[in-house]
Amino acid sequence: MPAHLLDGLRCASCGTPGALCLDPVRALAECRECGQTALTLTDTDEGRSL
């Protein structure tokens, strides 16, 4: 089950606001409304430029 609710964000597929959940262990964001999933990427550089 997804662990964290992504408040204020809208699903790109169905457009439902506030329905996205984040599962950090599987690195997935999932829409509770339509079931669409997306792989999440983390910035290991933490925004630092070269």
PDB file of N, CA and C in Angstrom:
ATOM      1  N   MET A   1       0.847  -1.184   0.000  1.00  0.00           N
ATOM      2  CA  MET A   1       0.000   0.000   0.000  1.00  0.00           C
ATOM      3  C   MET A   1       0.893   1.248   0.000  1.00  0.00           C
ATOM      4  N   PRO A   2       0.575   2.227  -0.838  1.00  0.00           N
ATOM      5  CA  PRO A   2       1.368   3.456  -0.874  1.00  0.00           C
ATOM      6  C   PRO A   2       1.448   4.128   0.492  1.00  0.00           C
ATOM      7  N   ALA A   3       2.588   4.711   0.773  1.00  0.00           N
ATOM      8  CA  ALA A   3       2.857   5.207   2.112  1.00  0.00           C
ATOM      9  C   ALA A   3       2.517   6.673   2.336  1.00  0.00           C
ATOM     10  N   HIS A   4       2.742   7.535   1.369  1.00  0.00           N
ATOM     11  CA  HIS A   4       2.580   8.969   1.586  1.00  0.00           C
ATOM     12  C   HIS A   4       1.650   9.572   0.543  1.00  0.00           C
ATOM     13  N   LEU A   5       0.735  10.412   0.993  1.00  0.00           N
ATOM     14  CA  LEU A   5      -0.172  11.117   0.101  1.00  0.00           C
ATOM     15  C   LEU A   5       0.540  12.345  -0.463  1.00  0.00           C
ATOM     16  N   LEU A   6       0.443  12.553  -1.766  1.00  0.00           N
ATOM     17  CA  LEU A   6       1.072  13.705  -2.412  1.00  0.00           C
ATOM     18  C   LEU A   6       0.015  14.801  -2.562  1.00  0.00           C
ATOM     19  N   ASP A   7      -0.242  15.531  -1.485  1.00  0.00           N
ATOM     20  CA  ASP A   7      -1.278  16.567  -1.461  1.00  0.00           C
ATOM     21  C   ASP A   7      -1.024  17.653  -2.486  1.00  0.00           C
ATOM     22  N   GLY A   8      -2.091  18.098  -3.122  1.00  0.00           N
ATOM     23  CA  GLY A   8      -2.023  19.233  -4.021  1.00  0.00           C
ATOM     24  C   GLY A   8      -1.593  18.905  -5.435  1.00  0.00           C
ATOM     25  N   LEU A   9      -1.148  17.672  -5.685  1.00  0.00           N
ATOM     26  CA  LEU A   9      -0.736  17.305  -7.035  1.00  0.00           C
ATOM     27  C   LEU A   9      -1.902  16.641  -7.762  1.00  0.00           C
ATOM     28  N   ARG A  10      -1.903  16.774  -9.075  1.00  0.00           N
ATOM     29  CA  ARG A  10      -2.981  16.259  -9.922  1.00  0.00           C
ATOM     30  C   ARG A  10      -2.445  15.116 -10.776  1.00  0.00           C
ATOM     31  N   CYS A  11      -3.239  14.074 -10.952  1.00  0.00           N
ATOM     32  CA  CYS A  11      -2.857  12.945 -11.799  1.00  0.00           C
ATOM     33  C   CYS A  11      -2.784  13.408 -13.253  1.00  0.00           C
ATOM     34  N   ALA A  12      -1.701  13.075 -13.932  1.00  0.00           N
ATOM     35  CA  ALA A  12      -1.528  13.468 -15.333  1.00  0.00           C
ATOM     36  C   ALA A  12      -2.468  12.688 -16.253  1.00  0.00           C
ATOM     37  N   SER A  13      -2.904  11.512 -15.844  1.00  0.00           N
ATOM     38  CA  SER A  13      -3.781  10.695 -16.683  1.00  0.00           C
ATOM     39  C   SER A  13      -5.245  11.102 -16.583  1.00  0.00           C
ATOM     40  N   CYS A  14      -5.769  11.101 -15.350  1.00  0.00           N
ATOM     41  CA  CYS A  14      -7.206  11.364 -15.179  1.00  0.00           C
ATOM     42  C   CYS A  14      -7.507  12.780 -14.701  1.00  0.00           C
ATOM     43  N   GLY A  15      -6.493  13.494 -14.225  1.00  0.00           N
ATOM     44  CA  GLY A  15      -6.678  14.874 -13.796  1.00  0.00           C
ATOM     45  C   GLY A  15      -7.235  15.051 -12.392  1.00  0.00           C
ATOM     46  N   THR A  16      -7.388  13.977 -11.644  1.00  0.00           N
ATOM     47  CA  THR A  16      -7.936  14.065 -10.292  1.00  0.00           C
ATOM     48  C   THR A  16      -6.920  14.697  -9.347  1.00  0.00           C
ATOM     49  N   PRO A  17      -7.303  15.782  -8.666  1.00  0.00           N
ATOM     50  CA  PRO A  17      -6.379  16.400  -7.706  1.00  0.00           C
ATOM     51  C   PRO A  17      -6.360  15.637  -6.379  1.00  0.00           C
ATOM     52  N   GLY A  18      -5.183  15.563  -5.768  1.00  0.00           N
ATOM     53  CA  GLY A  18      -5.047  14.971  -4.436  1.00  0.00           C
ATOM     54  C   GLY A  18      -5.230  13.467  -4.370  1.00  0.00           C
ATOM     55  N   ALA A  19      -5.129  12.752  -5.491  1.00  0.00           N
ATOM     56  CA  ALA A  19      -5.335  11.306  -5.482  1.00  0.00           C
ATOM     57  C   ALA A  19      -4.026  10.529  -5.612  1.00  0.00           C
ATOM     58  N   LEU A  20      -2.895  11.215  -5.622  1.00  0.00           N
ATOM     59  CA  LEU A  20      -1.610  10.536  -5.804  1.00  0.00           C
ATOM     60  C   LEU A  20      -1.009  10.104  -4.476  1.00  0.00           C
ATOM     61  N   CYS A  21      -0.495   8.890  -4.462  1.00  0.00           N
ATOM     62  CA  CYS A  21       0.182   8.341  -3.291  1.00  0.00           C
ATOM     63  C   CYS A  21       1.583   7.923  -3.695  1.00  0.00           C
ATOM     64  N   LEU A  22       2.511   8.057  -2.775  1.00  0.00           N
ATOM     65  CA  LEU A  22       3.901   7.707  -3.033  1.00  0.00           C
ATOM     66  C   LEU A  22       4.282   6.483  -2.225  1.00  0.00           C
ATOM     67  N   ASP A  23       4.887   5.527  -2.897  1.00  0.00           N
ATOM     68  CA  ASP A  23       5.455   4.363  -2.242  1.00  0.00           C
ATOM     69  C   ASP A  23       6.970   4.463  -2.399  1.00  0.00           C
ATOM     70  N   PRO A  24       7.677   4.998  -1.394  1.00  0.00           N
ATOM     71  CA  PRO A  24       9.115   5.226  -1.523  1.00  0.00           C
ATOM     72  C   PRO A  24       9.934   3.944  -1.620  1.00  0.00           C
ATOM     73  N   VAL A  25       9.448   2.843  -1.096  1.00  0.00           N
ATOM     74  CA  VAL A  25      10.178   1.584  -1.150  1.00  0.00           C
ATOM     75  C   VAL A  25      10.237   1.067  -2.583  1.00  0.00           C
ATOM     76  N   ARG A  26       9.113   1.140  -3.299  1.00  0.00           N
ATOM     77  CA  ARG A  26       9.067   0.702  -4.700  1.00  0.00           C
ATOM     78  C   ARG A  26       9.380   1.826  -5.671  1.00  0.00           C
ATOM     79  N   ALA A  27       9.567   3.057  -5.173  1.00  0.00           N
ATOM     80  CA  ALA A  27       9.844   4.241  -5.992  1.00  0.00           C
ATOM     81  C   ALA A  27       8.741   4.489  -7.017  1.00  0.00           C
ATOM     82  N   LEU A  28       7.475   4.350  -6.563  1.00  0.00           N
ATOM     83  CA  LEU A  28       6.328   4.542  -7.442  1.00  0.00           C
ATOM     84  C   LEU A  28       5.371   5.577  -6.874  1.00  0.00           C
ATOM     85  N   ALA A  29       4.769   6.343  -7.776  1.00  0.00           N
ATOM     86  CA  ALA A  29       3.638   7.195  -7.432  1.00  0.00           C
ATOM     87  C   ALA A  29       2.431   6.568  -8.111  1.00  0.00           C
ATOM     88  N   GLU A  30       1.304   6.475  -7.393  1.00  0.00           N
ATOM     89  CA  GLU A  30       0.119   5.819  -7.928  1.00  0.00           C
ATOM     90  C   GLU A  30      -1.115   6.677  -7.686  1.00  0.00           C
ATOM     91  N   CYS A  31      -1.989   6.733  -8.686  1.00  0.00           N
ATOM     92  CA  CYS A  31      -3.249   7.459  -8.557  1.00  0.00           C
ATOM     93  C   CYS A  31      -4.287   6.522  -7.952  1.00  0.00           C
ATOM     94  N   ARG A  32      -4.912   6.925  -6.852  1.00  0.00           N
ATOM     95  CA  ARG A  32      -5.933   6.100  -6.204  1.00  0.00           C
ATOM     96  C   ARG A  32      -7.225   6.079  -7.009  1.00  0.00           C
ATOM     97  N   GLU A  33      -7.406   7.021  -7.907  1.00  0.00           N
ATOM     98  CA  GLU A  33      -8.633   7.111  -8.701  1.00  0.00           C
ATOM     99  C   GLU A  33      -8.593   6.200  -9.933  1.00  0.00           C
ATOM    100  N   CYS A  34      -7.550   6.314 -10.758  1.00  0.00           N
ATOM    101  CA  CYS A  34      -7.507   5.559 -12.014  1.00  0.00           C
ATOM    102  C   CYS A  34      -6.497   4.407 -12.004  1.00  0.00           C
ATOM    103  N   GLY A  35      -5.608   4.364 -11.002  1.00  0.00           N
ATOM    104  CA  GLY A  35      -4.650   3.276 -10.900  1.00  0.00           C
ATOM    105  C   GLY A  35      -3.364   3.475 -11.687  1.00  0.00           C
ATOM    106  N   GLN A  36      -3.237   4.600 -12.370  1.00  0.00           N
ATOM    107  CA  GLN A  36      -2.016   4.889 -13.139  1.00  0.00           C
ATOM    108  C   GLN A  36      -0.813   4.944 -12.194  1.00  0.00           C
ATOM    109  N   THR A  37       0.315   4.358 -12.600  1.00  0.00           N
ATOM    110  CA  THR A  37       1.529   4.410 -11.795  1.00  0.00           C
ATOM    111  C   THR A  37       2.643   5.094 -12.576  1.00  0.00           C
ATOM    112  N   ALA A  38       3.571   5.672 -11.835  1.00  0.00           N
ATOM    113  CA  ALA A  38       4.728   6.328 -12.439  1.00  0.00           C
ATOM    114  C   ALA A  38       5.943   6.049 -11.570  1.00  0.00           C
ATOM    115  N   LEU A  39       7.045   5.770 -12.216  1.00  0.00           N
ATOM    116  CA  LEU A  39       8.306   5.556 -11.522  1.00  0.00           C
ATOM    117  C   LEU A  39       8.852   6.908 -11.081  1.00  0.00           C
ATOM    118  N   THR A  40       9.308   7.000  -9.853  1.00  0.00           N
ATOM    119  CA  THR A  40       9.874   8.254  -9.350  1.00  0.00           C
ATOM    120  C   THR A  40      11.393   8.155  -9.335  1.00  0.00           C
ATOM    121  N   LEU A  41      12.030   9.260  -9.583  1.00  0.00           N
ATOM    122  CA  LEU A  41      13.488   9.331  -9.560  1.00  0.00           C
ATOM    123  C   LEU A  41      13.915  10.324  -8.489  1.00  0.00           C
ATOM    124  N   THR A  42      14.989  10.027  -7.825  1.00  0.00           N
ATOM    125  CA  THR A  42      15.501  10.952  -6.818  1.00  0.00           C
ATOM    126  C   THR A  42      16.760  11.631  -7.344  1.00  0.00           C
ATOM    127  N   ASP A  43      16.980  12.845  -6.903  1.00  0.00           N
ATOM    128  CA  ASP A  43      18.142  13.617  -7.295  1.00  0.00           C
ATOM    129  C   ASP A  43      19.258  13.327  -6.288  1.00  0.00           C
ATOM    130  N   THR A  44      20.165  12.440  -6.655  1.00  0.00           N
ATOM    131  CA  THR A  44      21.235  12.059  -5.730  1.00  0.00           C
ATOM    132  C   THR A  44      22.250  13.176  -5.538  1.00  0.00           C
ATOM    133  N   ASP A  45      22.252  14.154  -6.446  1.00  0.00           N
ATOM    134  CA  ASP A  45      23.135  15.309  -6.342  1.00  0.00           C
ATOM    135  C   ASP A  45      22.526  16.416  -5.478  1.00  0.00           C
ATOM    136  N   GLU A  46      21.258  16.249  -5.101  1.00  0.00           N
ATOM    137  CA  GLU A  46      20.522  17.223  -4.295  1.00  0.00           C
ATOM    138  C   GLU A  46      20.548  18.614  -4.902  1.00  0.00           C
ATOM    139  N   GLY A  47      20.468  18.678  -6.238  1.00  0.00           N
ATOM    140  CA  GLY A  47      20.371  19.971  -6.912  1.00  0.00           C
ATOM    141  C   GLY A  47      21.683  20.686  -7.150  1.00  0.00           C
ATOM    142  N   ARG A  48      22.770  20.106  -6.722  1.00  0.00           N
ATOM    143  CA  ARG A  48      24.069  20.758  -6.935  1.00  0.00           C
ATOM    144  C   ARG A  48      24.462  20.704  -8.395  1.00  0.00           C
ATOM    145  N   SER A  49      25.022  21.776  -8.891  1.00  0.00           N
ATOM    146  CA  SER A  49      25.486  21.773 -10.278  1.00  0.00           C
ATOM    147  C   SER A  49      26.980  21.410 -10.303  1.00  0.00           C
ATOM    148  N   LEU A  50      27.415  20.999 -11.474  1.00  0.00           N
ATOM    149  CA  LEU A  50      28.817  20.578 -11.603  1.00  0.00           C
ATOM    150  C   LEU A  50      29.750  21.722 -11.574  1.00  0.00           C
TER     151      LEU A  50
END
